[in-house]
Amino acid sequence: MSKILELREKRAKAWDAAKKFLDAKRGADGMLSAEDTAAYEKMEADVVNLGKEIERLERQAAIDAELSRATSTPITAKPGSRADDGEGDKTGRASDDYRKNFWNAMRLKAPMPDVANLMRDKTATAEDCSVQREISSYESYVGKWVRIFLKDREFNGLHCVALVSIQKSYLIIMNDKGKLGFIDGYSVSTISDFVDKKKQMKLPPIPSKESIKDIGNYLVGKRCDVRLKQNNLLLGLGFNKPGGFYSVTIENISNDEVIACDLNKCKYTSRLSDVLYIKEC
């Protein structure tokens, strides 16, 4: 695992260097010379190759873990019981209570409150409420410089950003250069205060949360980095420079998708639910 972490750090540094090279070498017309293009493509290829090596090591670790698992489950309950058949307690329409109350309702030919109550999927509702409460708890950090750690398996988080506001399930952020963006709130693991007081004195002022009414409309027409979520251990989303679209112009952000266009006028479309973050370049 230490090898994987080492490669992730190496890839992150290589990608930062590639982006800085791109910004430094781009001419007034937004294009690169042939020599600079070749150099950038090599840097980009190195980043992609590091990502592939990380995926190989993670697949090996997952396969090793799978092969080392026990091939059978010991009997810990009374034979013939529900716990013994491996099904566990069923809920909703599959439960014994639902089946009993359903047929009682059919015999009476009248609705019974127990049936309606058992038909509800309480688990999903409870999970949604729990996550929403967790996102709401971040309100205490609004207007502060913070560190944000993410659940994503490829991108660990942001070291120094300002939390400007929270819109629905998205955290509106600003980096130390005054560039705005947003992060998917469901992908946040933890938030903590940024404690470097000396650096805070050099940081730009944080805008009020009322100043950014709709972050989607704000980002349209601006050059941004779009990072995609990488959650599946064995079946990742793959790499596109890598794991997203970089230095692209946002054409539209709706409730369902993000549409962006690069310097070569190639369009990229992604589901909004697959987006980890979008931030200005």
C-alpha atoms as a PDB file:
ATOM      1  CA  MET A   1       0.000   0.000   0.000  1.00  0.00           C
ATOM      2  CA  SER A   2       2.919   2.360   0.700  1.00  0.00           C
ATOM      3  CA  LYS A   3       4.042   1.858  -2.919  1.00  0.00           C
ATOM      4  CA  ILE A   4       0.594   2.904  -4.152  1.00  0.00           C
ATOM      5  CA  LEU A   5       0.617   6.036  -1.994  1.00  0.00           C
ATOM      6  CA  GLU A   6       4.108   6.866  -3.217  1.00  0.00           C
ATOM      7  CA  LEU A   7       2.998   6.560  -6.845  1.00  0.00           C
ATOM      8  CA  ARG A   8      -0.109   8.674  -6.199  1.00  0.00           C
ATOM      9  CA  GLU A   9       2.018  11.480  -4.775  1.00  0.00           C
ATOM     10  CA  LYS A  10       4.442  11.183  -7.685  1.00  0.00           C
ATOM     11  CA  ARG A  11       1.583  11.337 -10.195  1.00  0.00           C
ATOM     12  CA  ALA A  12       0.008  14.363  -8.469  1.00  0.00           C
ATOM     13  CA  LYS A  13       3.324  16.246  -8.599  1.00  0.00           C
ATOM     14  CA  ALA A  14       3.870  15.265 -12.242  1.00  0.00           C
ATOM     15  CA  TRP A  15       0.384  16.466 -13.201  1.00  0.00           C
ATOM     16  CA  ASP A  16       0.850  19.787 -11.390  1.00  0.00           C
ATOM     17  CA  ALA A  17       4.139  20.259 -13.257  1.00  0.00           C
ATOM     18  CA  ALA A  18       2.448  19.450 -16.581  1.00  0.00           C
ATOM     19  CA  LYS A  19      -0.330  22.002 -15.992  1.00  0.00           C
ATOM     20  CA  LYS A  20       2.152  24.698 -15.003  1.00  0.00           C
ATOM     21  CA  PHE A  21       4.200  23.937 -18.127  1.00  0.00           C
ATOM     22  CA  LEU A  22       1.045  24.195 -20.267  1.00  0.00           C
ATOM     23  CA  ASP A  23       0.076  27.565 -18.770  1.00  0.00           C
ATOM     24  CA  ALA A  24       3.620  28.921 -19.106  1.00  0.00           C
ATOM     25  CA  LYS A  25       4.161  27.841 -22.724  1.00  0.00           C
ATOM     26  CA  ARG A  26       0.749  28.669 -24.200  1.00  0.00           C
ATOM     27  CA  GLY A  27       1.066  31.587 -26.621  1.00  0.00           C
ATOM     28  CA  ALA A  28      -1.177  34.614 -27.066  1.00  0.00           C
ATOM     29  CA  ASP A  29      -3.347  32.593 -29.460  1.00  0.00           C
ATOM     30  CA  GLY A  30      -3.761  29.868 -26.851  1.00  0.00           C
ATOM     31  CA  MET A  31      -1.678  27.361 -28.838  1.00  0.00           C
ATOM     32  CA  LEU A  32       1.634  25.594 -28.200  1.00  0.00           C
ATOM     33  CA  SER A  33       4.644  25.315 -30.457  1.00  0.00           C
ATOM     34  CA  ALA A  34       5.435  21.903 -31.946  1.00  0.00           C
ATOM     35  CA  GLU A  35       8.375  21.478 -29.577  1.00  0.00           C
ATOM     36  CA  ASP A  36       6.320  22.433 -26.499  1.00  0.00           C
ATOM     37  CA  THR A  37       3.445  20.199 -27.639  1.00  0.00           C
ATOM     38  CA  ALA A  38       5.778  17.195 -27.808  1.00  0.00           C
ATOM     39  CA  ALA A  39       7.183  17.992 -24.349  1.00  0.00           C
ATOM     40  CA  TYR A  40       3.697  18.376 -22.845  1.00  0.00           C
ATOM     41  CA  GLU A  41       2.428  15.158 -24.421  1.00  0.00           C
ATOM     42  CA  LYS A  42       5.371  13.284 -22.914  1.00  0.00           C
ATOM     43  CA  MET A  43       4.593  14.739 -19.479  1.00  0.00           C
ATOM     44  CA  GLU A  44       0.941  13.810 -19.931  1.00  0.00           C
ATOM     45  CA  ALA A  45       1.860  10.269 -21.005  1.00  0.00           C
ATOM     46  CA  ASP A  46       4.009   9.880 -17.875  1.00  0.00           C
ATOM     47  CA  VAL A  47       1.014  10.848 -15.722  1.00  0.00           C
ATOM     48  CA  VAL A  48      -1.277   8.370 -17.512  1.00  0.00           C
ATOM     49  CA  ASN A  49       1.302   5.583 -17.197  1.00  0.00           C
ATOM     50  CA  LEU A  50       1.643   6.233 -13.478  1.00  0.00           C
ATOM     51  CA  GLY A  51      -2.143   5.983 -13.190  1.00  0.00           C
ATOM     52  CA  LYS A  52      -2.144   2.637 -15.008  1.00  0.00           C
ATOM     53  CA  GLU A  53       0.568   1.309 -12.689  1.00  0.00           C
ATOM     54  CA  ILE A  54      -1.480   2.402  -9.671  1.00  0.00           C
ATOM     55  CA  GLU A  55      -4.522   0.583 -11.082  1.00  0.00           C
ATOM     56  CA  ARG A  56      -2.447  -2.578 -11.623  1.00  0.00           C
ATOM     57  CA  LEU A  57      -1.187  -2.538  -8.033  1.00  0.00           C
ATOM     58  CA  GLU A  58      -4.698  -1.913  -6.684  1.00  0.00           C
ATOM     59  CA  ARG A  59      -6.106  -4.805  -8.739  1.00  0.00           C
ATOM     60  CA  GLN A  60      -3.362  -7.059  -7.413  1.00  0.00           C
ATOM     61  CA  ALA A  61      -4.187  -6.022  -3.839  1.00  0.00           C
ATOM     62  CA  ALA A  62      -7.916  -6.616  -4.419  1.00  0.00           C
ATOM     63  CA  ILE A  63      -7.324 -10.050  -5.960  1.00  0.00           C
ATOM     64  CA  ASP A  64      -4.918 -11.031  -3.157  1.00  0.00           C
ATOM     65  CA  ALA A  65      -7.531  -9.989  -0.585  1.00  0.00           C
ATOM     66  CA  GLU A  66     -10.247 -11.955  -2.408  1.00  0.00           C
ATOM     67  CA  LEU A  67      -8.125 -15.113  -2.648  1.00  0.00           C
ATOM     68  CA  SER A  68      -7.157 -14.933   1.016  1.00  0.00           C
ATOM     69  CA  ARG A  69     -10.772 -14.875   2.186  1.00  0.00           C
ATOM     70  CA  ALA A  70     -12.292 -17.966   3.764  1.00  0.00           C
ATOM     71  CA  THR A  71     -14.077 -20.205   1.248  1.00  0.00           C
ATOM     72  CA  SER A  72     -16.961 -21.018   3.581  1.00  0.00           C
ATOM     73  CA  THR A  73     -18.869 -19.386   6.427  1.00  0.00           C
ATOM     74  CA  PRO A  74     -18.999 -21.197   9.784  1.00  0.00           C
ATOM     75  CA  ILE A  75     -22.428 -22.122  11.159  1.00  0.00           C
ATOM     76  CA  THR A  76     -23.155 -19.783  14.067  1.00  0.00           C
ATOM     77  CA  ALA A  77     -26.945 -20.135  14.350  1.00  0.00           C
ATOM     78  CA  LYS A  78     -29.480 -22.844  14.888  1.00  0.00           C
ATOM     79  CA  PRO A  79     -29.897 -24.971  11.700  1.00  0.00           C
ATOM     80  CA  GLY A  80     -33.063 -24.053   9.822  1.00  0.00           C
ATOM     81  CA  SER A  81     -33.300 -20.562  11.301  1.00  0.00           C
ATOM     82  CA  ARG A  82     -33.406 -17.421   9.119  1.00  0.00           C
ATOM     83  CA  ALA A  83     -29.912 -16.406  10.209  1.00  0.00           C
ATOM     84  CA  ASP A  84     -28.650 -19.811   9.123  1.00  0.00           C
ATOM     85  CA  ASP A  85     -30.036 -19.583   5.555  1.00  0.00           C
ATOM     86  CA  GLY A  86     -27.869 -16.535   4.860  1.00  0.00           C
ATOM     87  CA  GLU A  87     -30.796 -14.274   3.993  1.00  0.00           C
ATOM     88  CA  GLY A  88     -30.973 -12.194   7.143  1.00  0.00           C
ATOM     89  CA  ASP A  89     -34.058 -10.178   8.089  1.00  0.00           C
ATOM     90  CA  LYS A  90     -36.046  -9.129   5.037  1.00  0.00           C
ATOM     91  CA  THR A  91     -37.618  -5.682   4.819  1.00  0.00           C
ATOM     92  CA  GLY A  92     -40.374  -3.974   2.851  1.00  0.00           C
ATOM     93  CA  ARG A  93     -42.487  -6.186   0.586  1.00  0.00           C
ATOM     94  CA  ALA A  94     -40.215  -9.202   1.159  1.00  0.00           C
ATOM     95  CA  SER A  95     -40.782  -9.263   4.930  1.00  0.00           C
ATOM     96  CA  ASP A  96     -42.971 -11.774   6.739  1.00  0.00           C
ATOM     97  CA  ASP A  97     -44.907  -8.923   8.393  1.00  0.00           C
ATOM     98  CA  TYR A  98     -45.790  -7.435   5.007  1.00  0.00           C
ATOM     99  CA  ARG A  99     -46.965 -10.802   3.629  1.00  0.00           C
ATOM    100  CA  LYS A 100     -49.145 -11.460   6.690  1.00  0.00           C
ATOM    101  CA  ASN A 101     -50.700  -7.972   6.730  1.00  0.00           C
ATOM    102  CA  PHE A 102     -51.201  -7.951   2.949  1.00  0.00           C
ATOM    103  CA  TRP A 103     -53.399 -11.063   2.986  1.00  0.00           C
ATOM    104  CA  ASN A 104     -55.249  -9.806   6.054  1.00  0.00           C
ATOM    105  CA  ALA A 105     -56.028  -6.646   4.063  1.00  0.00           C
ATOM    106  CA  MET A 106     -57.248  -8.737   1.102  1.00  0.00           C
ATOM    107  CA  ARG A 107     -59.641 -10.675   3.317  1.00  0.00           C
ATOM    108  CA  LEU A 108     -60.995  -7.492   4.908  1.00  0.00           C
ATOM    109  CA  LYS A 109     -61.035  -5.647   1.535  1.00  0.00           C
ATOM    110  CA  ALA A 110     -59.947  -2.509   3.341  1.00  0.00           C
ATOM    111  CA  PRO A 111     -56.580  -0.715   3.541  1.00  0.00           C
ATOM    112  CA  MET A 112     -54.500  -1.395   6.638  1.00  0.00           C
ATOM    113  CA  PRO A 113     -51.937   1.130   7.979  1.00  0.00           C
ATOM    114  CA  ASP A 114     -49.413  -1.653   8.643  1.00  0.00           C
ATOM    115  CA  VAL A 115     -49.214  -2.553   4.939  1.00  0.00           C
ATOM    116  CA  ALA A 116     -48.547   1.021   3.792  1.00  0.00           C
ATOM    117  CA  ASN A 117     -45.954   1.454   6.510  1.00  0.00           C
ATOM    118  CA  LEU A 118     -44.093  -1.738   5.577  1.00  0.00           C
ATOM    119  CA  MET A 119     -44.019  -0.817   1.867  1.00  0.00           C
ATOM    120  CA  ARG A 120     -41.847   2.221   2.526  1.00  0.00           C
ATOM    121  CA  ASP A 121     -38.095   1.864   1.965  1.00  0.00           C
ATOM    122  CA  LYS A 122     -36.909   3.398   5.231  1.00  0.00           C
ATOM    123  CA  THR A 123     -33.238   2.516   4.683  1.00  0.00           C
ATOM    124  CA  ALA A 124     -32.666   4.794   1.680  1.00  0.00           C
ATOM    125  CA  THR A 125     -34.519   7.656   3.364  1.00  0.00           C
ATOM    126  CA  ALA A 126     -32.458   7.302   6.522  1.00  0.00           C
ATOM    127  CA  GLU A 127     -29.188   7.266   4.562  1.00  0.00           C
ATOM    128  CA  ASP A 128     -30.165  10.343   2.532  1.00  0.00           C
ATOM    129  CA  CYS A 129     -31.140  12.239   5.675  1.00  0.00           C
ATOM    130  CA  SER A 130     -27.901  11.224   7.381  1.00  0.00           C
ATOM    131  CA  VAL A 131     -25.734  12.480   4.488  1.00  0.00           C
ATOM    132  CA  GLN A 132     -27.751  15.692   4.200  1.00  0.00           C
ATOM    133  CA  ARG A 133     -27.306  16.319   7.935  1.00  0.00           C
ATOM    134  CA  GLU A 134     -23.569  15.739   7.537  1.00  0.00           C
ATOM    135  CA  ILE A 135     -23.372  18.264   4.666  1.00  0.00           C
ATOM    136  CA  SER A 136     -25.383  20.774   6.702  1.00  0.00           C
ATOM    137  CA  SER A 137     -22.885  20.393   9.554  1.00  0.00           C
ATOM    138  CA  TYR A 138     -20.244  21.999   7.309  1.00  0.00           C
ATOM    139  CA  GLU A 139     -22.106  25.335   7.576  1.00  0.00           C
ATOM    140  CA  SER A 140     -19.914  26.222  10.567  1.00  0.00           C
ATOM    141  CA  TYR A 141     -16.916  26.372   8.182  1.00  0.00           C
ATOM    142  CA  VAL A 142     -18.529  28.796   5.726  1.00  0.00           C
ATOM    143  CA  GLY A 143     -16.411  31.947   5.459  1.00  0.00           C
ATOM    144  CA  LYS A 144     -13.244  30.162   6.643  1.00  0.00           C
ATOM    145  CA  TRP A 145     -10.074  28.777   5.093  1.00  0.00           C
ATOM    146  CA  VAL A 146     -10.167  25.002   5.429  1.00  0.00           C
ATOM    147  CA  ARG A 147      -8.685  21.661   4.387  1.00  0.00           C
ATOM    148  CA  ILE A 148     -11.106  19.262   2.687  1.00  0.00           C
ATOM    149  CA  PHE A 149     -10.461  15.522   2.610  1.00  0.00           C
ATOM    150  CA  LEU A 150     -12.358  13.416   0.072  1.00  0.00           C
ATOM    151  CA  LYS A 151     -13.535   9.798  -0.131  1.00  0.00           C
ATOM    152  CA  ASP A 152     -12.348   9.516  -3.735  1.00  0.00           C
ATOM    153  CA  ARG A 153      -9.707   6.795  -4.255  1.00  0.00           C
ATOM    154  CA  GLU A 154      -7.636   8.885  -6.691  1.00  0.00           C
ATOM    155  CA  PHE A 155      -7.849  12.434  -5.310  1.00  0.00           C
ATOM    156  CA  ASN A 156      -7.302  12.846  -1.569  1.00  0.00           C
ATOM    157  CA  GLY A 157      -8.477  16.414  -1.130  1.00  0.00           C
ATOM    158  CA  LEU A 158      -7.682  20.136  -1.127  1.00  0.00           C
ATOM    159  CA  HIS A 159      -5.104  21.561   1.264  1.00  0.00           C
ATOM    160  CA  CYS A 160      -6.078  25.232   1.366  1.00  0.00           C
ATOM    161  CA  VAL A 161      -9.462  26.494   0.118  1.00  0.00           C
ATOM    162  CA  ALA A 162     -12.128  28.858   1.398  1.00  0.00           C
ATOM    163  CA  LEU A 163     -15.632  27.489   1.925  1.00  0.00           C
ATOM    164  CA  VAL A 164     -17.797  30.243   0.440  1.00  0.00           C
ATOM    165  CA  SER A 165     -21.233  28.642   0.779  1.00  0.00           C
ATOM    166  CA  ILE A 166     -23.249  25.424   0.470  1.00  0.00           C
ATOM    167  CA  GLN A 167     -25.756  25.133  -2.366  1.00  0.00           C
ATOM    168  CA  LYS A 168     -27.952  22.021  -2.221  1.00  0.00           C
ATOM    169  CA  SER A 169     -25.430  19.170  -1.887  1.00  0.00           C
ATOM    170  CA  TYR A 170     -22.454  21.120  -3.281  1.00  0.00           C
ATOM    171  CA  LEU A 171     -19.726  22.995  -1.414  1.00  0.00           C
ATOM    172  CA  ILE A 172     -18.771  26.265  -3.115  1.00  0.00           C
ATOM    173  CA  ILE A 173     -15.034  26.853  -2.708  1.00  0.00           C
ATOM    174  CA  MET A 174     -12.349  29.404  -3.599  1.00  0.00           C
ATOM    175  CA  ASN A 175      -8.624  28.621  -3.883  1.00  0.00           C
ATOM    176  CA  ASP A 176      -5.717  30.774  -2.720  1.00  0.00           C
ATOM    177  CA  LYS A 177      -5.648  32.550  -6.115  1.00  0.00           C
ATOM    178  CA  GLY A 178      -9.272  33.666  -5.846  1.00  0.00           C
ATOM    179  CA  LYS A 179     -10.603  31.068  -8.333  1.00  0.00           C
ATOM    180  CA  LEU A 180     -14.049  29.607  -7.603  1.00  0.00           C
ATOM    181  CA  GLY A 181     -15.544  26.157  -8.035  1.00  0.00           C
ATOM    182  CA  PHE A 182     -17.603  23.483  -6.306  1.00  0.00           C
ATOM    183  CA  ILE A 183     -17.143  20.024  -4.750  1.00  0.00           C
ATOM    184  CA  ASP A 184     -19.693  17.217  -4.512  1.00  0.00           C
ATOM    185  CA  GLY A 185     -20.730  17.225  -0.842  1.00  0.00           C
ATOM    186  CA  TYR A 186     -21.434  13.484  -0.823  1.00  0.00           C
ATOM    187  CA  SER A 187     -17.747  12.849  -1.630  1.00  0.00           C
ATOM    188  CA  VAL A 188     -16.421  14.823   1.352  1.00  0.00           C
ATOM    189  CA  SER A 189     -14.887  12.777   4.144  1.00  0.00           C
ATOM    190  CA  THR A 190     -13.885  15.488   6.631  1.00  0.00           C
ATOM    191  CA  ILE A 191     -13.290  19.236   6.825  1.00  0.00           C
ATOM    192  CA  SER A 192     -10.855  20.912   9.192  1.00  0.00           C
ATOM    193  CA  ASP A 193      -9.585  24.464   9.768  1.00  0.00           C
ATOM    194  CA  PHE A 194      -6.537  25.635   7.819  1.00  0.00           C
ATOM    195  CA  VAL A 195      -4.172  26.530  10.648  1.00  0.00           C
ATOM    196  CA  ASP A 196      -1.250  28.238   8.883  1.00  0.00           C
ATOM    197  CA  LYS A 197      -1.839  31.744  10.241  1.00  0.00           C
ATOM    198  CA  LYS A 198       1.104  33.294   8.366  1.00  0.00           C
ATOM    199  CA  LYS A 199      -0.181  32.077   5.020  1.00  0.00           C
ATOM    200  CA  GLN A 200      -3.742  33.143   5.878  1.00  0.00           C
ATOM    201  CA  MET A 201      -2.536  36.749   6.090  1.00  0.00           C
ATOM    202  CA  LYS A 202      -1.507  36.554   2.409  1.00  0.00           C
ATOM    203  CA  LEU A 203      -4.732  34.930   1.195  1.00  0.00           C
ATOM    204  CA  PRO A 204      -7.412  36.873  -0.713  1.00  0.00           C
ATOM    205  CA  PRO A 205     -10.617  37.954   1.055  1.00  0.00           C
ATOM    206  CA  ILE A 206     -13.429  35.392   1.058  1.00  0.00           C
ATOM    207  CA  PRO A 207     -16.553  36.566  -0.820  1.00  0.00           C
ATOM    208  CA  SER A 208     -19.877  36.530   1.002  1.00  0.00           C
ATOM    209  CA  LYS A 209     -22.115  33.540   0.340  1.00  0.00           C
ATOM    210  CA  GLU A 210     -24.768  35.890  -1.075  1.00  0.00           C
ATOM    211  CA  SER A 211     -22.353  37.031  -3.819  1.00  0.00           C
ATOM    212  CA  ILE A 212     -22.505  33.659  -5.642  1.00  0.00           C
ATOM    213  CA  LYS A 213     -26.197  32.904  -6.154  1.00  0.00           C
ATOM    214  CA  ASP A 214     -25.748  30.056  -8.676  1.00  0.00           C
ATOM    215  CA  ILE A 215     -22.298  28.503  -9.080  1.00  0.00           C
ATOM    216  CA  GLY A 216     -23.385  26.655 -12.230  1.00  0.00           C
ATOM    217  CA  ASN A 217     -24.265  29.872 -14.057  1.00  0.00           C
ATOM    218  CA  TYR A 218     -21.092  31.522 -12.743  1.00  0.00           C
ATOM    219  CA  LEU A 219     -18.828  28.820 -14.235  1.00  0.00           C
ATOM    220  CA  VAL A 220     -20.453  28.798 -17.698  1.00  0.00           C
ATOM    221  CA  GLY A 221     -18.061  30.353 -20.223  1.00  0.00           C
ATOM    222  CA  LYS A 222     -15.041  30.022 -17.941  1.00  0.00           C
ATOM    223  CA  ARG A 223     -11.973  27.787 -18.377  1.00  0.00           C
ATOM    224  CA  CYS A 224     -12.104  25.067 -15.725  1.00  0.00           C
ATOM    225  CA  ASP A 225     -10.795  21.701 -14.590  1.00  0.00           C
ATOM    226  CA  VAL A 226     -13.476  19.009 -14.307  1.00  0.00           C
ATOM    227  CA  ARG A 227     -12.471  16.079 -12.095  1.00  0.00           C
ATOM    228  CA  LEU A 228     -14.488  12.848 -12.228  1.00  0.00           C
ATOM    229  CA  LYS A 229     -15.076  10.501  -9.305  1.00  0.00           C
ATOM    230  CA  GLN A 230     -12.912   7.387  -9.082  1.00  0.00           C
ATOM    231  CA  ASN A 231     -14.714   5.110  -6.629  1.00  0.00           C
ATOM    232  CA  ASN A 232     -14.755   1.605  -8.073  1.00  0.00           C
ATOM    233  CA  LEU A 233     -11.642  -0.364  -7.084  1.00  0.00           C
ATOM    234  CA  LEU A 234     -11.627  -2.875  -9.951  1.00  0.00           C
ATOM    235  CA  LEU A 235     -13.695  -1.103 -12.601  1.00  0.00           C
ATOM    236  CA  GLY A 236     -12.499   2.506 -12.515  1.00  0.00           C
ATOM    237  CA  LEU A 237     -13.713   5.188 -14.875  1.00  0.00           C
ATOM    238  CA  GLY A 238     -10.382   5.134 -16.689  1.00  0.00           C
ATOM    239  CA  PHE A 239      -8.210   8.135 -17.380  1.00  0.00           C
ATOM    240  CA  ASN A 240      -8.826  11.152 -19.532  1.00  0.00           C
ATOM    241  CA  LYS A 241      -5.840  13.450 -18.768  1.00  0.00           C
ATOM    242  CA  PRO A 242      -6.370  11.630 -16.155  1.00  0.00           C
ATOM    243  CA  GLY A 243      -9.806  11.105 -14.588  1.00  0.00           C
ATOM    244  CA  GLY A 244     -11.440  14.217 -16.009  1.00  0.00           C
ATOM    245  CA  PHE A 245     -11.302  17.118 -18.451  1.00  0.00           C
ATOM    246  CA  TYR A 246      -8.724  19.837 -17.876  1.00  0.00           C
ATOM    247  CA  SER A 247      -8.471  23.426 -19.119  1.00  0.00           C
ATOM    248  CA  VAL A 248     -11.863  23.167 -20.826  1.00  0.00           C
ATOM    249  CA  THR A 249     -14.524  25.836 -21.300  1.00  0.00           C
ATOM    250  CA  ILE A 250     -17.792  25.082 -19.532  1.00  0.00           C
ATOM    251  CA  GLU A 251     -20.717  25.392 -21.954  1.00  0.00           C
ATOM    252  CA  ASN A 252     -23.551  24.263 -19.695  1.00  0.00           C
ATOM    253  CA  ILE A 253     -24.210  22.826 -16.238  1.00  0.00           C
ATOM    254  CA  SER A 254     -27.683  21.393 -15.638  1.00  0.00           C
ATOM    255  CA  ASN A 255     -29.117  19.199 -12.885  1.00  0.00           C
ATOM    256  CA  ASP A 256     -28.152  16.140 -14.938  1.00  0.00           C
ATOM    257  CA  GLU A 257     -24.982  16.839 -16.912  1.00  0.00           C
ATOM    258  CA  VAL A 258     -21.957  19.020 -17.585  1.00  0.00           C
ATOM    259  CA  ILE A 259     -20.972  19.986 -21.138  1.00  0.00           C
ATOM    260  CA  ALA A 260     -17.486  21.358 -21.814  1.00  0.00           C
ATOM    261  CA  CYS A 261     -15.341  22.172 -24.848  1.00  0.00           C
ATOM    262  CA  ASP A 262     -11.533  22.107 -25.179  1.00  0.00           C
ATOM    263  CA  LEU A 263      -9.213  24.347 -27.249  1.00  0.00           C
ATOM    264  CA  ASN A 264      -9.651  22.043 -30.263  1.00  0.00           C
ATOM    265  CA  LYS A 265     -13.442  22.469 -30.091  1.00  0.00           C
ATOM    266  CA  CYS A 266     -13.933  18.862 -28.943  1.00  0.00           C
ATOM    267  CA  LYS A 267     -16.985  18.521 -26.691  1.00  0.00           C
ATOM    268  CA  TYR A 268     -17.103  16.476 -23.486  1.00  0.00           C
ATOM    269  CA  THR A 269     -20.292  15.508 -21.678  1.00  0.00           C
ATOM    270  CA  SER A 270     -20.450  13.954 -18.226  1.00  0.00           C
ATOM    271  CA  ARG A 271     -23.228  13.165 -15.791  1.00  0.00           C
ATOM    272  CA  LEU A 272     -23.239  15.678 -12.938  1.00  0.00           C
ATOM    273  CA  SER A 273     -23.464  12.771 -10.485  1.00  0.00           C
ATOM    274  CA  ASP A 274     -20.051  11.544 -11.778  1.00  0.00           C
ATOM    275  CA  VAL A 275     -18.337  14.892 -11.144  1.00  0.00           C
ATOM    276  CA  LEU A 276     -16.092  15.154  -8.063  1.00  0.00           C
ATOM    277  CA  TYR A 277     -15.346  18.855  -8.481  1.00  0.00           C
ATOM    278  CA  ILE A 278     -15.220  21.702 -11.006  1.00  0.00           C
ATOM    279  CA  LYS A 279     -12.933  24.678 -10.428  1.00  0.00           C
ATOM    280  CA  GLU A 280     -11.683  27.640 -12.420  1.00  0.00           C
ATOM    281  CA  CYS A 281      -8.215  27.406 -13.940  1.00  0.00           C
END
